[in-house]
């Protein structure tokens, strides 16, 4: 990503950013967003009821975020305004 300086990259994760190892390039921004907060934020932005829970386990799941792929640009537009 660092060699592709024509683009800025936004990494969104519910995991903490790495604190050791190779630092992020200047064109890469890390955004920590826990899944429950993501679910609430996306629901408000899209004016929809968003459910990222797995039926069997009842936990919010990162796997369910794939269901929203067509909407990510709109759902996270506040993060993309940078």
PDB file of N, CA and C in Angstrom:
ATOM      1  N   UNK A   1       0.818  -1.187   0.000  1.00  0.00           N
ATOM      2  CA  UNK A   1       0.000   0.000   0.000  1.00  0.00           C
ATOM      3  C   UNK A   1       0.863   1.253   0.000  1.00  0.00           C
ATOM      4  N   UNK A   2       1.954   1.194   0.717  1.00  0.00           N
ATOM      5  CA  UNK A   2       2.821   2.354   0.798  1.00  0.00           C
ATOM      6  C   UNK A   2       3.443   2.744  -0.524  1.00  0.00           C
ATOM      7  N   UNK A   3       3.628   1.787  -1.423  1.00  0.00           N
ATOM      8  CA  UNK A   3       4.223   2.091  -2.725  1.00  0.00           C
ATOM      9  C   UNK A   3       3.188   2.636  -3.710  1.00  0.00           C
ATOM     10  N   UNK A   4       1.917   2.511  -3.378  1.00  0.00           N
ATOM     11  CA  UNK A   4       0.843   3.001  -4.225  1.00  0.00           C
ATOM     12  C   UNK A   4       0.398   4.362  -3.697  1.00  0.00           C
ATOM     13  N   UNK A   5       1.238   5.363  -3.872  1.00  0.00           N
ATOM     14  CA  UNK A   5       1.006   6.674  -3.269  1.00  0.00           C
ATOM     15  C   UNK A   5      -0.085   7.504  -3.949  1.00  0.00           C
ATOM     16  N   UNK A   6      -0.617   7.034  -5.062  1.00  0.00           N
ATOM     17  CA  UNK A   6      -1.699   7.762  -5.732  1.00  0.00           C
ATOM     18  C   UNK A   6      -3.013   7.629  -4.968  1.00  0.00           C
ATOM     19  N   UNK A   7      -3.083   6.681  -4.042  1.00  0.00           N
ATOM     20  CA  UNK A   7      -4.319   6.414  -3.317  1.00  0.00           C
ATOM     21  C   UNK A   7      -4.081   6.468  -1.820  1.00  0.00           C
ATOM     22  N   UNK A   8      -5.109   6.867  -1.097  1.00  0.00           N
ATOM     23  CA  UNK A   8      -5.103   6.774   0.351  1.00  0.00           C
ATOM     24  C   UNK A   8      -5.928   5.554   0.740  1.00  0.00           C
ATOM     25  N   UNK A   9      -5.497   4.853   1.755  1.00  0.00           N
ATOM     26  CA  UNK A   9      -6.168   3.650   2.203  1.00  0.00           C
ATOM     27  C   UNK A   9      -6.703   3.850   3.615  1.00  0.00           C
ATOM     28  N   UNK A  10      -7.898   3.396   3.850  1.00  0.00           N
ATOM     29  CA  UNK A  10      -8.520   3.453   5.157  1.00  0.00           C
ATOM     30  C   UNK A  10      -8.762   2.021   5.611  1.00  0.00           C
ATOM     31  N   UNK A  11      -8.075   1.604   6.654  1.00  0.00           N
ATOM     32  CA  UNK A  11      -8.240   0.269   7.214  1.00  0.00           C
ATOM     33  C   UNK A  11      -9.156   0.379   8.421  1.00  0.00           C
ATOM     34  N   UNK A  12     -10.288  -0.276   8.358  1.00  0.00           N
ATOM     35  CA  UNK A  12     -11.257  -0.244   9.450  1.00  0.00           C
ATOM     36  C   UNK A  12     -11.276  -1.623  10.083  1.00  0.00           C
ATOM     37  N   UNK A  13     -11.102  -1.657  11.401  1.00  0.00           N
ATOM     38  CA  UNK A  13     -11.019  -2.945  12.072  1.00  0.00           C
ATOM     39  C   UNK A  13     -11.560  -2.836  13.492  1.00  0.00           C
ATOM     40  N   UNK A  14     -12.033  -3.967  13.992  1.00  0.00           N
ATOM     41  CA  UNK A  14     -12.439  -4.022  15.391  1.00  0.00           C
ATOM     42  C   UNK A  14     -11.290  -4.532  16.261  1.00  0.00           C
ATOM     43  N   UNK A  15     -10.132  -4.706  15.671  1.00  0.00           N
ATOM     44  CA  UNK A  15      -8.921  -5.070  16.400  1.00  0.00           C
ATOM     45  C   UNK A  15      -8.071  -3.820  16.583  1.00  0.00           C
ATOM     46  N   UNK A  16      -7.313  -3.793  17.638  1.00  0.00           N
ATOM     47  CA  UNK A  16      -6.424  -2.658  17.876  1.00  0.00           C
ATOM     48  C   UNK A  16      -5.339  -2.623  16.801  1.00  0.00           C
ATOM     49  N   UNK A  17      -4.849  -1.426  16.474  1.00  0.00           N
ATOM     50  CA  UNK A  17      -3.786  -1.349  15.471  1.00  0.00           C
ATOM     51  C   UNK A  17      -2.507  -1.994  16.005  1.00  0.00           C
ATOM     52  N   UNK A  18      -1.700  -2.524  15.127  1.00  0.00           N
ATOM     53  CA  UNK A  18      -0.439  -3.110  15.578  1.00  0.00           C
ATOM     54  C   UNK A  18       0.458  -2.036  16.194  1.00  0.00           C
ATOM     55  N   UNK A  19       1.067  -2.376  17.319  1.00  0.00           N
ATOM     56  CA  UNK A  19       1.928  -1.401  17.993  1.00  0.00           C
ATOM     57  C   UNK A  19       3.408  -1.693  17.768  1.00  0.00           C
ATOM     58  N   UNK A  20       3.702  -2.846  17.236  1.00  0.00           N
ATOM     59  CA  UNK A  20       5.100  -3.179  16.962  1.00  0.00           C
ATOM     60  C   UNK A  20       5.228  -3.616  15.508  1.00  0.00           C
ATOM     61  N   UNK A  21       6.439  -3.652  15.051  1.00  0.00           N
ATOM     62  CA  UNK A  21       6.673  -4.070  13.673  1.00  0.00           C
ATOM     63  C   UNK A  21       6.791  -2.886  12.743  1.00  0.00           C
ATOM     64  N   UNK A  22       6.330  -3.060  11.540  1.00  0.00           N
ATOM     65  CA  UNK A  22       6.461  -2.052  10.500  1.00  0.00           C
ATOM     66  C   UNK A  22       5.382  -0.983  10.681  1.00  0.00           C
ATOM     67  N   UNK A  23       5.753   0.295  10.729  1.00  0.00           N
ATOM     68  CA  UNK A  23       4.747   1.355  10.860  1.00  0.00           C
ATOM     69  C   UNK A  23       3.925   1.488   9.574  1.00  0.00           C
ATOM     70  N   UNK A  24       2.730   2.047   9.719  1.00  0.00           N
ATOM     71  CA  UNK A  24       1.877   2.263   8.554  1.00  0.00           C
ATOM     72  C   UNK A  24       2.458   3.364   7.678  1.00  0.00           C
ATOM     73  N   UNK A  25       2.376   3.200   6.364  1.00  0.00           N
ATOM     74  CA  UNK A  25       2.826   4.255   5.444  1.00  0.00           C
ATOM     75  C   UNK A  25       1.960   5.511   5.617  1.00  0.00           C
ATOM     76  N   UNK A  26       2.429   6.655   5.159  1.00  0.00           N
ATOM     77  CA  UNK A  26       1.672   7.904   5.322  1.00  0.00           C
ATOM     78  C   UNK A  26       0.324   7.916   4.613  1.00  0.00           C
ATOM     79  N   UNK A  27       0.157   7.096   3.578  1.00  0.00           N
ATOM     80  CA  UNK A  27      -1.118   7.090   2.849  1.00  0.00           C
ATOM     81  C   UNK A  27      -2.085   6.034   3.383  1.00  0.00           C
ATOM     82  N   UNK A  28      -1.791   5.470   4.555  1.00  0.00           N
ATOM     83  CA  UNK A  28      -2.649   4.457   5.174  1.00  0.00           C
ATOM     84  C   UNK A  28      -3.107   4.966   6.526  1.00  0.00           C
ATOM     85  N   UNK A  29      -4.415   4.983   6.726  1.00  0.00           N
ATOM     86  CA  UNK A  29      -4.997   5.426   7.985  1.00  0.00           C
ATOM     87  C   UNK A  29      -5.723   4.248   8.618  1.00  0.00           C
ATOM     88  N   UNK A  30      -5.484   4.028   9.901  1.00  0.00           N
ATOM     89  CA  UNK A  30      -6.139   2.942  10.626  1.00  0.00           C
ATOM     90  C   UNK A  30      -7.258   3.524  11.474  1.00  0.00           C
ATOM     91  N   UNK A  31      -8.433   2.933  11.384  1.00  0.00           N
ATOM     92  CA  UNK A  31      -9.586   3.378  12.154  1.00  0.00           C
ATOM     93  C   UNK A  31     -10.108   2.201  12.980  1.00  0.00           C
ATOM     94  N   UNK A  32     -10.027   2.327  14.306  1.00  0.00           N
ATOM     95  CA  UNK A  32     -10.561   1.305  15.200  1.00  0.00           C
ATOM     96  C   UNK A  32     -12.048   1.542  15.365  1.00  0.00           C
ATOM     97  N   UNK A  33     -12.860   0.550  15.020  1.00  0.00           N
ATOM     98  CA  UNK A  33     -14.308   0.664  15.115  1.00  0.00           C
ATOM     99  C   UNK A  33     -14.873  -0.680  15.563  1.00  0.00           C
ATOM    100  N   UNK A  34     -15.198  -0.818  16.861  1.00  0.00           N
ATOM    101  CA  UNK A  34     -15.766  -2.079  17.347  1.00  0.00           C
ATOM    102  C   UNK A  34     -17.063  -2.416  16.603  1.00  0.00           C
ATOM    103  N   UNK A  35     -17.319  -3.687  16.416  1.00  0.00           N
ATOM    104  CA  UNK A  35     -18.484  -4.117  15.632  1.00  0.00           C
ATOM    105  C   UNK A  35     -19.816  -3.565  16.145  1.00  0.00           C
ATOM    106  N   UNK A  36     -20.071  -3.549  17.454  1.00  0.00           N
ATOM    107  CA  UNK A  36     -21.355  -2.971  17.885  1.00  0.00           C
ATOM    108  C   UNK A  36     -21.493  -1.495  17.518  1.00  0.00           C
ATOM    109  N   UNK A  37     -20.392  -0.739  17.600  1.00  0.00           N
ATOM    110  CA  UNK A  37     -20.424   0.668  17.196  1.00  0.00           C
ATOM    111  C   UNK A  37     -20.609   0.798  15.688  1.00  0.00           C
ATOM    112  N   UNK A  38     -19.966  -0.085  14.937  1.00  0.00           N
ATOM    113  CA  UNK A  38     -20.129  -0.074  13.488  1.00  0.00           C
ATOM    114  C   UNK A  38     -21.587  -0.345  13.128  1.00  0.00           C
ATOM    115  N   UNK A  39     -22.177  -1.317  13.783  1.00  0.00           N
ATOM    116  CA  UNK A  39     -23.575  -1.667  13.520  1.00  0.00           C
ATOM    117  C   UNK A  39     -24.476  -0.461  13.780  1.00  0.00           C
ATOM    118  N   UNK A  40     -24.279   0.220  14.892  1.00  0.00           N
ATOM    119  CA  UNK A  40     -25.101   1.387  15.224  1.00  0.00           C
ATOM    120  C   UNK A  40     -24.862   2.533  14.246  1.00  0.00           C
ATOM    121  N   UNK A  41     -23.611   2.802  13.928  1.00  0.00           N
ATOM    122  CA  UNK A  41     -23.261   3.898  13.030  1.00  0.00           C
ATOM    123  C   UNK A  41     -23.812   3.678  11.624  1.00  0.00           C
ATOM    124  N   UNK A  42     -23.648   2.476  11.127  1.00  0.00           N
ATOM    125  CA  UNK A  42     -24.144   2.150   9.784  1.00  0.00           C
ATOM    126  C   UNK A  42     -25.659   2.254   9.738  1.00  0.00           C
ATOM    127  N   UNK A  43     -26.310   1.771  10.781  1.00  0.00           N
ATOM    128  CA  UNK A  43     -27.772   1.859  10.838  1.00  0.00           C
ATOM    129  C   UNK A  43     -28.266   3.291  10.809  1.00  0.00           C
ATOM    130  N   UNK A  44     -27.599   4.173  11.557  1.00  0.00           N
ATOM    131  CA  UNK A  44     -27.989   5.580  11.569  1.00  0.00           C
ATOM    132  C   UNK A  44     -27.731   6.238  10.224  1.00  0.00           C
ATOM    133  N   UNK A  45     -26.583   5.978   9.641  1.00  0.00           N
ATOM    134  CA  UNK A  45     -26.211   6.602   8.366  1.00  0.00           C
ATOM    135  C   UNK A  45     -27.147   6.177   7.233  1.00  0.00           C
ATOM    136  N   UNK A  46     -27.493   4.898   7.211  1.00  0.00           N
ATOM    137  CA  UNK A  46     -28.334   4.381   6.129  1.00  0.00           C
ATOM    138  C   UNK A  46     -29.829   4.466   6.444  1.00  0.00           C
ATOM    139  N   UNK A  47     -30.133   4.842   7.686  1.00  0.00           N
ATOM    140  CA  UNK A  47     -31.530   4.890   8.140  1.00  0.00           C
ATOM    141  C   UNK A  47     -32.200   3.527   7.974  1.00  0.00           C
ATOM    142  N   UNK A  48     -31.451   2.510   8.380  1.00  0.00           N
ATOM    143  CA  UNK A  48     -31.934   1.132   8.302  1.00  0.00           C
ATOM    144  C   UNK A  48     -31.680   0.430   9.632  1.00  0.00           C
ATOM    145  N   UNK A  49     -32.397  -0.623   9.857  1.00  0.00           N
ATOM    146  CA  UNK A  49     -32.081  -1.496  10.976  1.00  0.00           C
ATOM    147  C   UNK A  49     -31.027  -2.482  10.480  1.00  0.00           C
ATOM    148  N   UNK A  50     -29.827  -2.410  11.046  1.00  0.00           N
ATOM    149  CA  UNK A  50     -28.719  -3.257  10.614  1.00  0.00           C
ATOM    150  C   UNK A  50     -28.459  -4.298  11.686  1.00  0.00           C
ATOM    151  N   UNK A  51     -28.458  -5.559  11.281  1.00  0.00           N
ATOM    152  CA  UNK A  51     -28.245  -6.645  12.222  1.00  0.00           C
ATOM    153  C   UNK A  51     -27.030  -7.452  11.781  1.00  0.00           C
ATOM    154  N   UNK A  52     -25.957  -7.364  12.555  1.00  0.00           N
ATOM    155  CA  UNK A  52     -24.725  -8.095  12.246  1.00  0.00           C
ATOM    156  C   UNK A  52     -24.550  -9.301  13.167  1.00  0.00           C
ATOM    157  N   UNK A  53     -25.640  -9.783  13.742  1.00  0.00           N
ATOM    158  CA  UNK A  53     -25.523 -10.924  14.645  1.00  0.00           C
ATOM    159  C   UNK A  53     -25.721 -12.228  13.893  1.00  0.00           C
ATOM    160  N   UNK A  54     -25.023 -13.238  14.347  1.00  0.00           N
ATOM    161  CA  UNK A  54     -25.208 -14.573  13.802  1.00  0.00           C
ATOM    162  C   UNK A  54     -26.392 -15.212  14.514  1.00  0.00           C
ATOM    163  N   UNK A  55     -27.257 -15.843  13.775  1.00  0.00           N
ATOM    164  CA  UNK A  55     -28.478 -16.412  14.358  1.00  0.00           C
ATOM    165  C   UNK A  55     -28.202 -17.430  15.447  1.00  0.00           C
ATOM    166  N   UNK A  56     -27.309 -18.342  15.186  1.00  0.00           N
ATOM    167  CA  UNK A  56     -27.071 -19.431  16.129  1.00  0.00           C
ATOM    168  C   UNK A  56     -26.368 -18.965  17.399  1.00  0.00           C
ATOM    169  N   UNK A  57     -25.413 -18.048  17.252  1.00  0.00           N
ATOM    170  CA  UNK A  57     -24.598 -17.658  18.399  1.00  0.00           C
ATOM    171  C   UNK A  57     -25.097 -16.397  19.088  1.00  0.00           C
ATOM    172  N   UNK A  58     -25.812 -15.553  18.378  1.00  0.00           N
ATOM    173  CA  UNK A  58     -26.325 -14.330  18.962  1.00  0.00           C
ATOM    174  C   UNK A  58     -25.290 -13.235  19.161  1.00  0.00           C
ATOM    175  N   UNK A  59     -24.073 -13.446  18.690  1.00  0.00           N
ATOM    176  CA  UNK A  59     -23.011 -12.454  18.823  1.00  0.00           C
ATOM    177  C   UNK A  59     -22.890 -11.630  17.551  1.00  0.00           C
ATOM    178  N   UNK A  60     -22.456 -10.378  17.701  1.00  0.00           N
ATOM    179  CA  UNK A  60     -22.152  -9.561  16.533  1.00  0.00           C
ATOM    180  C   UNK A  60     -20.947 -10.185  15.845  1.00  0.00           C
ATOM    181  N   UNK A  61     -21.015 -10.330  14.531  1.00  0.00           N
ATOM    182  CA  UNK A  61     -19.994 -11.073  13.799  1.00  0.00           C
ATOM    183  C   UNK A  61     -19.417 -10.268  12.640  1.00  0.00           C
ATOM    184  N   UNK A  62     -18.097 -10.304  12.534  1.00  0.00           N
ATOM    185  CA  UNK A  62     -17.436  -9.651  11.411  1.00  0.00           C
ATOM    186  C   UNK A  62     -17.838 -10.304  10.093  1.00  0.00           C
ATOM    187  N   UNK A  63     -18.159 -11.587  10.106  1.00  0.00           N
ATOM    188  CA  UNK A  63     -18.565 -12.281   8.881  1.00  0.00           C
ATOM    189  C   UNK A  63     -19.821 -11.645   8.278  1.00  0.00           C
ATOM    190  N   UNK A  64     -20.688 -11.120   9.116  1.00  0.00           N
ATOM    191  CA  UNK A  64     -21.917 -10.507   8.620  1.00  0.00           C
ATOM    192  C   UNK A  64     -21.672  -9.161   7.939  1.00  0.00           C
ATOM    193  N   UNK A  65     -20.504  -8.556   8.162  1.00  0.00           N
ATOM    194  CA  UNK A  65     -20.227  -7.279   7.506  1.00  0.00           C
ATOM    195  C   UNK A  65     -20.143  -7.437   5.989  1.00  0.00           C
ATOM    196  N   UNK A  66     -19.883  -8.650   5.518  1.00  0.00           N
ATOM    197  CA  UNK A  66     -19.852  -8.891   4.069  1.00  0.00           C
ATOM    198  C   UNK A  66     -21.205  -8.623   3.427  1.00  0.00           C
ATOM    199  N   UNK A  67     -22.281  -8.771   4.189  1.00  0.00           N
ATOM    200  CA  UNK A  67     -23.615  -8.505   3.652  1.00  0.00           C
ATOM    201  C   UNK A  67     -23.787  -7.042   3.262  1.00  0.00           C
ATOM    202  N   UNK A  68     -22.961  -6.174   3.816  1.00  0.00           N
ATOM    203  CA  UNK A  68     -23.089  -4.735   3.569  1.00  0.00           C
ATOM    204  C   UNK A  68     -22.122  -4.206   2.520  1.00  0.00           C
ATOM    205  N   UNK A  69     -21.355  -5.054   1.880  1.00  0.00           N
ATOM    206  CA  UNK A  69     -20.334  -4.591   0.922  1.00  0.00           C
ATOM    207  C   UNK A  69     -20.848  -3.569  -0.084  1.00  0.00           C
ATOM    208  N   UNK A  70     -22.028  -3.763  -0.677  1.00  0.00           N
ATOM    209  CA  UNK A  70     -22.481  -2.774  -1.659  1.00  0.00           C
ATOM    210  C   UNK A  70     -22.751  -1.390  -1.057  1.00  0.00           C
ATOM    211  N   UNK A  71     -22.861  -1.309   0.272  1.00  0.00           N
ATOM    212  CA  UNK A  71     -23.240  -0.051   0.914  1.00  0.00           C
ATOM    213  C   UNK A  71     -22.110   0.621   1.687  1.00  0.00           C
ATOM    214  N   UNK A  72     -20.918   0.050   1.729  1.00  0.00           N
ATOM    215  CA  UNK A  72     -19.869   0.580   2.592  1.00  0.00           C
ATOM    216  C   UNK A  72     -19.516   2.037   2.300  1.00  0.00           C
ATOM    217  N   UNK A  73     -19.438   2.421   1.065  1.00  0.00           N
ATOM    218  CA  UNK A  73     -19.096   3.806   0.735  1.00  0.00           C
ATOM    219  C   UNK A  73     -20.086   4.796   1.337  1.00  0.00           C
ATOM    220  N   UNK A  74     -21.344   4.498   1.232  1.00  0.00           N
ATOM    221  CA  UNK A  74     -22.380   5.362   1.792  1.00  0.00           C
ATOM    222  C   UNK A  74     -22.447   5.241   3.312  1.00  0.00           C
ATOM    223  N   UNK A  75     -22.341   4.019   3.804  1.00  0.00           N
ATOM    224  CA  UNK A  75     -22.476   3.774   5.234  1.00  0.00           C
ATOM    225  C   UNK A  75     -21.364   4.428   6.046  1.00  0.00           C
ATOM    226  N   UNK A  76     -20.174   4.498   5.490  1.00  0.00           N
ATOM    227  CA  UNK A  76     -19.032   5.056   6.213  1.00  0.00           C
ATOM    228  C   UNK A  76     -18.549   6.362   5.589  1.00  0.00           C
ATOM    229  N   UNK A  77     -19.454   7.068   4.949  1.00  0.00           N
ATOM    230  CA  UNK A  77     -19.087   8.297   4.243  1.00  0.00           C
ATOM    231  C   UNK A  77     -18.462   9.337   5.165  1.00  0.00           C
ATOM    232  N   UNK A  78     -18.845   9.352   6.433  1.00  0.00           N
ATOM    233  CA  UNK A  78     -18.246  10.312   7.361  1.00  0.00           C
ATOM    234  C   UNK A  78     -16.755  10.063   7.551  1.00  0.00           C
ATOM    235  N   UNK A  79     -16.315   8.813   7.441  1.00  0.00           N
ATOM    236  CA  UNK A  79     -14.897   8.499   7.534  1.00  0.00           C
ATOM    237  C   UNK A  79     -14.142   8.808   6.251  1.00  0.00           C
ATOM    238  N   UNK A  80     -14.847   8.858   5.140  1.00  0.00           N
ATOM    239  CA  UNK A  80     -14.217   9.068   3.842  1.00  0.00           C
ATOM    240  C   UNK A  80     -14.073  10.545   3.478  1.00  0.00           C
ATOM    241  N   UNK A  81     -14.586  11.434   4.299  1.00  0.00           N
ATOM    242  CA  UNK A  81     -14.542  12.864   3.994  1.00  0.00           C
ATOM    243  C   UNK A  81     -13.166  13.480   4.181  1.00  0.00           C
ATOM    244  N   UNK A  82     -12.219  12.723   4.784  1.00  0.00           N
ATOM    245  CA  UNK A  82     -10.906  13.215   5.155  1.00  0.00           C
ATOM    246  C   UNK A  82     -10.141  13.870   4.105  1.00  0.00           C
TER     247      UNK A  82
END
